[in-house]
Amino acid sequence: MPTSQNPIVEWPRELYGLLEGMQIATGRDDKRYCRMDVDVDPNILFLLNDFEARVRHRQVRVRPSGCAECLVSEMNGLVGLGAASDPTRHIGKVRISFHDIQDDSCVDAAPQM
């Protein structure tokens, strides 16, 4: 089934803090993308890996802080970046990234769980 026919998956509420500071860039092909490098604790790393496995090849809907509209894109695989900036509270740093970002009205957004 093409990606466009799969239901859009909402970004989990418990992971919204990871999207703070989300900055979107436009590539040479005029497609938008973003990436965030974040420190994670064991629980957040588990939640991210679980979510990534469920949304592979599906669109993800996110609502960046301070933005009235939602964005829809595909999430790239997590990339481990090594040691955390604050190793007393976190076990490592990962890169969360999205490609082919598109504007979305959030009209059919499912309730947050």
N, C-alpha and C. Protein backbone atom coordinates (compact mmCIF):
# COMPACT_ATOMS: atom_id res chain seq x y z
N MET A 1 0.85 -1.18 0.00
CA MET A 1 0.00 0.00 0.00
C MET A 1 0.90 1.24 0.00
N PRO A 2 0.65 2.21 -0.88
CA PRO A 2 1.46 3.44 -0.91
C PRO A 2 1.35 4.19 0.41
N THR A 3 2.43 4.91 0.75
CA THR A 3 2.46 5.68 1.99
C THR A 3 1.26 6.59 2.12
N SER A 4 0.83 7.19 1.02
CA SER A 4 -0.28 8.14 1.05
C SER A 4 -1.60 7.49 1.48
N GLN A 5 -1.72 6.16 1.39
CA GLN A 5 -2.95 5.48 1.76
C GLN A 5 -2.93 4.94 3.20
N ASN A 6 -1.76 4.93 3.82
CA ASN A 6 -1.67 4.50 5.21
C ASN A 6 -2.19 5.60 6.13
N PRO A 7 -2.84 5.25 7.22
CA PRO A 7 -3.29 6.28 8.15
C PRO A 7 -2.10 7.04 8.73
N ILE A 8 -2.29 8.32 8.93
CA ILE A 8 -1.26 9.16 9.54
C ILE A 8 -1.20 8.84 11.03
N VAL A 9 0.00 8.75 11.58
CA VAL A 9 0.22 8.43 12.98
C VAL A 9 0.59 9.72 13.72
N GLU A 10 -0.06 9.93 14.86
CA GLU A 10 0.23 11.11 15.67
C GLU A 10 1.52 10.92 16.46
N TRP A 11 2.32 11.97 16.53
CA TRP A 11 3.52 11.96 17.36
C TRP A 11 3.07 11.84 18.81
N PRO A 12 3.66 10.94 19.61
CA PRO A 12 3.19 10.71 20.98
C PRO A 12 3.36 11.93 21.88
N ARG A 13 2.36 12.17 22.69
CA ARG A 13 2.37 13.32 23.60
C ARG A 13 3.61 13.29 24.51
N GLU A 14 3.98 12.11 25.01
CA GLU A 14 5.11 12.03 25.93
C GLU A 14 6.45 12.33 25.27
N LEU A 15 6.47 12.45 23.94
CA LEU A 15 7.71 12.77 23.23
C LEU A 15 7.72 14.19 22.67
N TYR A 16 6.67 14.96 22.92
CA TYR A 16 6.60 16.31 22.36
C TYR A 16 7.75 17.20 22.82
N GLY A 17 8.24 17.02 24.04
CA GLY A 17 9.35 17.83 24.51
C GLY A 17 10.60 17.69 23.66
N LEU A 18 10.73 16.57 22.97
CA LEU A 18 11.89 16.35 22.11
C LEU A 18 11.85 17.22 20.86
N LEU A 19 10.67 17.75 20.53
CA LEU A 19 10.53 18.55 19.31
C LEU A 19 10.77 20.04 19.55
N GLU A 20 11.01 20.43 20.81
CA GLU A 20 11.28 21.84 21.09
C GLU A 20 12.50 22.27 20.31
N GLY A 21 12.42 23.43 19.73
CA GLY A 21 13.53 23.93 18.94
C GLY A 21 13.59 23.34 17.55
N MET A 22 12.54 22.64 17.15
CA MET A 22 12.48 22.03 15.81
C MET A 22 12.60 23.13 14.76
N GLN A 23 13.62 23.03 13.92
CA GLN A 23 13.82 24.02 12.86
C GLN A 23 13.78 23.31 11.52
N ILE A 24 13.00 23.86 10.64
CA ILE A 24 12.79 23.24 9.33
C ILE A 24 13.66 23.93 8.30
N ALA A 25 14.31 23.13 7.47
CA ALA A 25 15.15 23.66 6.39
C ALA A 25 14.59 23.15 5.06
N THR A 26 14.97 23.83 4.00
CA THR A 26 14.56 23.43 2.66
C THR A 26 15.79 22.99 1.87
N GLY A 27 15.71 21.80 1.30
CA GLY A 27 16.82 21.27 0.52
C GLY A 27 16.86 21.83 -0.88
N ARG A 28 17.86 21.44 -1.64
CA ARG A 28 18.01 21.90 -3.03
C ARG A 28 16.82 21.51 -3.90
N ASP A 29 16.15 20.42 -3.54
CA ASP A 29 15.00 19.95 -4.32
C ASP A 29 13.70 20.61 -3.85
N ASP A 30 13.81 21.64 -3.01
CA ASP A 30 12.67 22.39 -2.45
C ASP A 30 11.81 21.55 -1.50
N LYS A 31 12.29 20.40 -1.08
CA LYS A 31 11.58 19.61 -0.07
C LYS A 31 12.10 20.01 1.31
N ARG A 32 11.19 20.04 2.29
CA ARG A 32 11.57 20.46 3.63
C ARG A 32 11.93 19.26 4.49
N TYR A 33 12.84 19.49 5.42
CA TYR A 33 13.31 18.46 6.34
C TYR A 33 13.72 19.11 7.65
N CYS A 34 13.93 18.31 8.68
CA CYS A 34 14.48 18.82 9.93
C CYS A 34 15.17 17.69 10.68
N ARG A 35 16.00 18.08 11.63
CA ARG A 35 16.65 17.11 12.49
C ARG A 35 16.95 17.77 13.83
N MET A 36 16.86 16.96 14.87
CA MET A 36 17.13 17.42 16.22
C MET A 36 18.02 16.39 16.90
N ASP A 37 19.07 16.85 17.56
CA ASP A 37 19.94 15.98 18.33
C ASP A 37 19.55 16.15 19.79
N VAL A 38 19.12 15.07 20.43
CA VAL A 38 18.59 15.15 21.79
C VAL A 38 19.20 14.09 22.69
N ASP A 39 19.39 14.47 23.96
CA ASP A 39 19.80 13.51 24.98
C ASP A 39 18.58 12.69 25.37
N VAL A 40 18.79 11.42 25.63
CA VAL A 40 17.67 10.54 26.01
C VAL A 40 18.03 9.70 27.23
N ASP A 41 17.00 9.43 28.03
CA ASP A 41 17.16 8.49 29.13
C ASP A 41 16.67 7.13 28.63
N PRO A 42 16.83 6.07 29.40
CA PRO A 42 16.43 4.73 28.91
C PRO A 42 14.97 4.64 28.50
N ASN A 43 14.06 5.27 29.25
CA ASN A 43 12.64 5.20 28.93
C ASN A 43 12.33 5.91 27.61
N ILE A 44 12.87 7.11 27.42
CA ILE A 44 12.62 7.86 26.19
C ILE A 44 13.22 7.12 24.99
N LEU A 45 14.40 6.54 25.16
CA LEU A 45 15.00 5.78 24.06
C LEU A 45 14.12 4.61 23.67
N PHE A 46 13.58 3.91 24.65
CA PHE A 46 12.66 2.80 24.37
C PHE A 46 11.43 3.30 23.62
N LEU A 47 10.81 4.40 24.10
CA LEU A 47 9.61 4.94 23.45
C LEU A 47 9.90 5.37 22.01
N LEU A 48 11.04 6.01 21.79
CA LEU A 48 11.41 6.43 20.43
C LEU A 48 11.60 5.24 19.50
N ASN A 49 12.31 4.23 19.97
CA ASN A 49 12.54 3.04 19.13
C ASN A 49 11.23 2.32 18.83
N ASP A 50 10.37 2.21 19.83
CA ASP A 50 9.07 1.57 19.64
C ASP A 50 8.23 2.35 18.63
N PHE A 51 8.21 3.67 18.78
CA PHE A 51 7.43 4.51 17.86
C PHE A 51 8.00 4.41 16.44
N GLU A 52 9.31 4.50 16.32
CA GLU A 52 9.93 4.42 15.00
C GLU A 52 9.57 3.11 14.29
N ALA A 53 9.57 2.02 15.02
CA ALA A 53 9.22 0.73 14.43
C ALA A 53 7.78 0.70 13.94
N ARG A 54 6.87 1.35 14.67
CA ARG A 54 5.46 1.35 14.29
C ARG A 54 5.16 2.26 13.10
N VAL A 55 5.97 3.30 12.90
CA VAL A 55 5.64 4.27 11.84
C VAL A 55 6.51 4.14 10.60
N ARG A 56 7.31 3.12 10.56
CA ARG A 56 8.18 2.96 9.39
C ARG A 56 7.34 2.97 8.11
N HIS A 57 7.71 3.81 7.17
CA HIS A 57 7.04 3.98 5.87
C HIS A 57 5.61 4.53 6.01
N ARG A 58 5.35 5.23 7.10
CA ARG A 58 4.05 5.89 7.30
C ARG A 58 4.31 7.35 7.61
N GLN A 59 3.31 8.17 7.39
CA GLN A 59 3.44 9.58 7.72
C GLN A 59 3.17 9.81 9.20
N VAL A 60 3.87 10.81 9.74
CA VAL A 60 3.75 11.19 11.14
C VAL A 60 3.26 12.63 11.20
N ARG A 61 2.29 12.89 12.08
CA ARG A 61 1.79 14.26 12.26
C ARG A 61 2.37 14.81 13.55
N VAL A 62 2.98 15.99 13.44
CA VAL A 62 3.54 16.68 14.60
C VAL A 62 3.00 18.10 14.65
N ARG A 63 2.97 18.66 15.84
CA ARG A 63 2.59 20.07 16.02
C ARG A 63 3.74 20.75 16.75
N PRO A 64 4.59 21.45 16.00
CA PRO A 64 5.71 22.14 16.65
C PRO A 64 5.20 23.21 17.62
N SER A 65 5.91 23.40 18.72
CA SER A 65 5.49 24.41 19.69
C SER A 65 5.49 25.79 19.04
N GLY A 66 4.47 26.58 19.37
CA GLY A 66 4.33 27.91 18.82
C GLY A 66 3.77 27.95 17.41
N CYS A 67 3.28 26.82 16.92
CA CYS A 67 2.76 26.74 15.56
C CYS A 67 1.28 26.35 15.62
N ALA A 68 0.45 27.09 14.92
CA ALA A 68 -0.99 26.80 14.92
C ALA A 68 -1.34 25.60 14.05
N GLU A 69 -0.54 25.34 13.06
CA GLU A 69 -0.81 24.24 12.13
C GLU A 69 0.06 23.03 12.46
N CYS A 70 -0.34 21.91 11.94
CA CYS A 70 0.45 20.68 12.09
C CYS A 70 1.36 20.51 10.87
N LEU A 71 2.27 19.59 11.01
CA LEU A 71 3.13 19.19 9.91
C LEU A 71 3.00 17.68 9.76
N VAL A 72 3.11 17.20 8.54
CA VAL A 72 3.08 15.77 8.26
C VAL A 72 4.35 15.46 7.47
N SER A 73 5.02 14.38 7.86
CA SER A 73 6.23 13.96 7.16
C SER A 73 6.51 12.50 7.48
N GLU A 74 7.59 11.99 6.91
CA GLU A 74 8.04 10.65 7.27
C GLU A 74 9.24 10.79 8.20
N MET A 75 9.26 9.94 9.22
CA MET A 75 10.36 9.94 10.18
C MET A 75 11.47 9.05 9.63
N ASN A 76 12.69 9.55 9.69
CA ASN A 76 13.85 8.75 9.31
C ASN A 76 14.23 7.85 10.49
N GLY A 77 15.04 6.86 10.23
CA GLY A 77 15.53 5.99 11.30
C GLY A 77 16.35 6.79 12.31
N LEU A 78 16.25 6.40 13.58
CA LEU A 78 17.04 7.06 14.62
C LEU A 78 18.52 6.79 14.38
N VAL A 79 19.34 7.78 14.71
CA VAL A 79 20.78 7.63 14.59
C VAL A 79 21.38 7.87 15.97
N GLY A 80 22.13 6.91 16.47
CA GLY A 80 22.83 7.09 17.75
C GLY A 80 24.05 7.97 17.54
N LEU A 81 24.18 8.99 18.41
CA LEU A 81 25.29 9.93 18.26
C LEU A 81 26.33 9.82 19.37
N GLY A 82 26.17 8.83 20.25
CA GLY A 82 27.17 8.64 21.30
C GLY A 82 26.73 9.16 22.65
N ALA A 83 27.70 9.68 23.37
CA ALA A 83 27.48 10.10 24.76
C ALA A 83 26.54 11.30 24.85
N ALA A 84 25.78 11.31 25.93
CA ALA A 84 24.87 12.42 26.19
C ALA A 84 25.64 13.64 26.66
N SER A 85 25.06 14.82 26.44
CA SER A 85 25.66 16.06 26.94
C SER A 85 25.66 16.08 28.46
N ASP A 86 24.63 15.47 29.06
CA ASP A 86 24.49 15.38 30.52
C ASP A 86 24.40 13.91 30.92
N PRO A 87 25.55 13.23 31.04
CA PRO A 87 25.52 11.79 31.33
C PRO A 87 24.99 11.43 32.72
N THR A 88 24.79 12.40 33.60
CA THR A 88 24.23 12.07 34.91
C THR A 88 22.74 11.78 34.83
N ARG A 89 22.06 12.30 33.80
CA ARG A 89 20.61 12.10 33.66
C ARG A 89 20.22 11.34 32.41
N HIS A 90 21.14 11.17 31.46
CA HIS A 90 20.82 10.56 30.17
C HIS A 90 21.84 9.49 29.81
N ILE A 91 21.42 8.55 28.96
CA ILE A 91 22.33 7.47 28.58
C ILE A 91 22.98 7.69 27.22
N GLY A 92 22.48 8.64 26.45
CA GLY A 92 23.06 8.88 25.14
C GLY A 92 22.36 10.00 24.40
N LYS A 93 22.86 10.25 23.20
CA LYS A 93 22.29 11.28 22.32
C LYS A 93 21.87 10.62 21.02
N VAL A 94 20.69 10.97 20.53
CA VAL A 94 20.20 10.44 19.26
C VAL A 94 19.75 11.59 18.36
N ARG A 95 19.74 11.31 17.08
CA ARG A 95 19.21 12.28 16.11
C ARG A 95 17.83 11.80 15.67
N ILE A 96 16.85 12.69 15.82
CA ILE A 96 15.49 12.46 15.32
C ILE A 96 15.38 13.34 14.07
N SER A 97 14.94 12.76 12.97
CA SER A 97 14.84 13.56 11.75
C SER A 97 13.62 13.15 10.93
N PHE A 98 13.16 14.12 10.16
CA PHE A 98 11.99 13.94 9.30
C PHE A 98 12.33 14.46 7.91
N HIS A 99 11.73 13.86 6.88
CA HIS A 99 11.93 14.34 5.52
C HIS A 99 10.58 14.54 4.83
N ASP A 100 10.62 15.31 3.75
CA ASP A 100 9.43 15.61 2.95
C ASP A 100 8.30 16.18 3.83
N ILE A 101 8.63 17.22 4.58
CA ILE A 101 7.67 17.84 5.50
C ILE A 101 6.64 18.65 4.70
N GLN A 102 5.37 18.46 5.06
CA GLN A 102 4.27 19.17 4.41
C GLN A 102 3.37 19.79 5.46
N ASP A 103 2.75 20.91 5.12
CA ASP A 103 1.79 21.54 6.03
C ASP A 103 0.54 20.69 6.12
N ASP A 104 -0.11 20.75 7.29
CA ASP A 104 -1.32 19.97 7.52
C ASP A 104 -2.23 20.79 8.42
N SER A 105 -3.53 20.70 8.21
CA SER A 105 -4.48 21.52 8.96
C SER A 105 -4.83 20.96 10.33
N CYS A 106 -4.49 19.74 10.61
CA CYS A 106 -4.81 19.05 11.88
C CYS A 106 -6.29 18.77 12.02
N VAL A 107 -7.09 18.97 10.99
CA VAL A 107 -8.53 18.80 11.08
C VAL A 107 -8.91 17.39 11.48
N ASP A 108 -8.26 16.40 10.89
CA ASP A 108 -8.61 15.01 11.19
C ASP A 108 -7.66 14.39 12.21
N ALA A 109 -7.01 15.23 13.00
CA ALA A 109 -6.07 14.73 14.00
C ALA A 109 -6.79 13.87 15.03
N ALA A 110 -6.22 12.73 15.31
CA ALA A 110 -6.80 11.82 16.31
C ALA A 110 -6.52 12.38 17.71
N PRO A 111 -7.37 12.07 18.67
CA PRO A 111 -7.09 12.53 20.02
C PRO A 111 -5.76 11.99 20.54
N GLN A 112 -5.08 12.80 21.33
CA GLN A 112 -3.80 12.39 21.91
C GLN A 112 -4.01 11.32 22.96
N MET A 113 -3.13 10.37 23.00
CA MET A 113 -3.19 9.31 24.01
C MET A 113 -2.06 9.46 24.98
